[in-house]
Protein backbone atom coordinates (compact mmCIF):
# COMPACT_ATOMS: atom_id res chain seq x y z
CA MET A 1 21.39 38.88 16.55
CA GLU A 2 18.11 39.32 14.85
CA GLU A 3 16.62 35.83 15.79
CA THR A 4 14.62 34.06 12.84
CA GLN A 5 11.87 32.00 13.43
CA THR A 6 11.39 28.41 10.94
CA LEU A 7 7.95 27.01 10.91
CA ARG A 8 8.17 23.07 11.14
CA VAL A 9 5.64 21.50 9.80
CA GLU A 10 5.44 17.25 11.35
CA VAL A 11 4.07 15.19 8.36
CA PRO A 12 3.21 11.57 8.82
CA PRO A 13 5.90 10.02 5.94
CA THR A 14 3.06 8.74 3.38
CA VAL A 15 2.64 12.88 2.74
CA ALA A 16 6.23 13.82 3.15
CA VAL A 17 7.14 10.98 -0.11
CA LEU A 18 3.68 12.52 -1.63
CA ALA A 19 5.16 15.93 -1.69
CA LEU A 20 8.73 15.04 -3.21
CA PRO A 21 8.40 16.47 -7.17
CA ALA A 22 9.09 12.79 -8.23
CA ALA A 23 5.39 11.95 -6.95
CA GLN A 24 4.10 14.81 -8.93
CA ARG A 25 5.69 13.08 -11.78
CA LEU A 26 4.23 9.93 -11.00
CA ARG A 27 0.33 11.13 -10.77
CA GLU A 28 0.70 12.79 -14.46
CA LEU A 29 0.99 9.89 -16.24
CA ASP A 30 -1.79 8.12 -18.33
CA ALA A 31 -4.34 5.98 -16.19
CA PRO A 32 -2.72 2.73 -17.42
CA SER A 33 1.17 3.23 -16.94
CA ARG A 34 -0.35 4.10 -13.09
CA ALA A 35 -1.97 1.13 -13.28
CA ALA A 36 0.80 -0.89 -14.50
CA LEU A 37 3.13 0.86 -11.84
CA ARG A 38 0.92 0.59 -8.98
CA ALA A 39 1.06 -3.66 -9.54
CA VAL A 40 4.63 -3.30 -9.91
CA LEU A 41 5.13 -1.28 -6.54
CA GLU A 42 2.25 -3.72 -4.62
CA ASP A 43 3.95 -6.82 -6.20
CA LEU A 44 7.00 -5.44 -4.66
CA ARG A 45 5.41 -4.69 -0.87
CA ARG A 46 4.30 -7.60 -0.59
CA ASP A 47 8.04 -9.47 -1.19
CA ALA A 48 9.13 -6.80 0.91
CA HIS A 49 7.54 -7.33 3.56
CA ALA A 50 7.66 -11.45 3.29
CA ARG A 51 11.61 -10.77 3.13
CA ALA A 52 10.85 -8.45 6.13
CA GLU A 53 9.15 -11.38 8.26
CA ALA A 54 11.85 -14.12 6.88
CA SER A 55 14.61 -12.04 8.00
CA TRP A 56 13.54 -11.23 11.49
CA GLN A 57 12.71 -15.00 12.38
CA ALA A 58 16.33 -15.45 11.27
CA ARG A 59 17.42 -12.95 13.66
CA LYS A 60 18.76 -10.53 11.28
CA GLY A 61 17.45 -7.13 12.23
CA PHE A 62 19.43 -5.28 10.22
CA ALA A 63 18.23 -6.58 6.91
CA ALA A 64 14.24 -7.05 8.57
CA ALA A 65 14.09 -3.64 8.90
CA TYR A 66 15.92 -2.20 5.53
CA TRP A 67 13.37 -4.90 4.05
CA ARG A 68 10.04 -3.57 6.49
CA ALA A 69 11.18 -0.16 5.30
CA VAL A 70 11.20 -0.82 1.27
CA GLY A 71 7.46 -2.33 1.53
CA VAL A 72 6.21 0.58 3.58
CA TYR A 73 7.69 3.14 0.60
CA ALA A 74 6.58 1.04 -2.02
CA GLY A 75 2.67 0.57 -0.95
CA HIS A 76 2.63 4.45 0.12
CA LEU A 77 3.88 5.56 -3.96
CA SER A 78 0.75 2.71 -4.77
CA ARG A 79 -1.30 4.62 -2.74
CA ALA A 80 -0.05 7.86 -4.38
CA LEU A 81 -1.33 6.63 -7.97
CA ARG A 82 -4.82 5.56 -7.28
CA ASP A 83 -7.18 7.76 -9.11
CA GLY A 84 -7.70 10.58 -7.13
CA SER A 85 -6.17 9.68 -3.56
CA CYS A 86 -4.08 11.71 -1.65
CA SER A 87 -3.68 14.60 -4.31
CA GLU A 88 -5.34 17.29 -1.84
CA HIS A 89 -2.36 16.28 0.57
CA ALA A 90 0.16 16.86 -1.58
CA GLY A 91 -1.50 19.96 -2.50
CA GLY A 92 -0.99 20.91 1.58
CA VAL A 93 2.35 20.11 1.78
CA ALA A 94 3.53 22.38 -1.18
CA GLU A 95 1.81 25.14 0.43
CA GLY A 96 3.03 25.03 4.13
CA GLY A 97 -0.50 23.24 5.57
CA ARG A 98 -0.44 20.01 6.96
CA GLY A 99 -3.03 18.24 4.42
């Protein structure tokens, strides 16, 4: 049998999120819409991190991990909405590079 090779590129989670088609659609929004959405995502990030800490203090590890992940992804998407932020990374991933 013929062996095929696949190219596997390890990318940081932020870049992986930016490579999703939905992230491209977010970057296509007009500036006021991006700013409003970014503010909501930053609020979500702060609230999720606070909930993660409270869950950790209450010894609820699964809830803490859940809220920490919510906060991290909200922060990644928020940074994707900054003007000109990380757009070169998303292009690099789409082309198979590290970005």
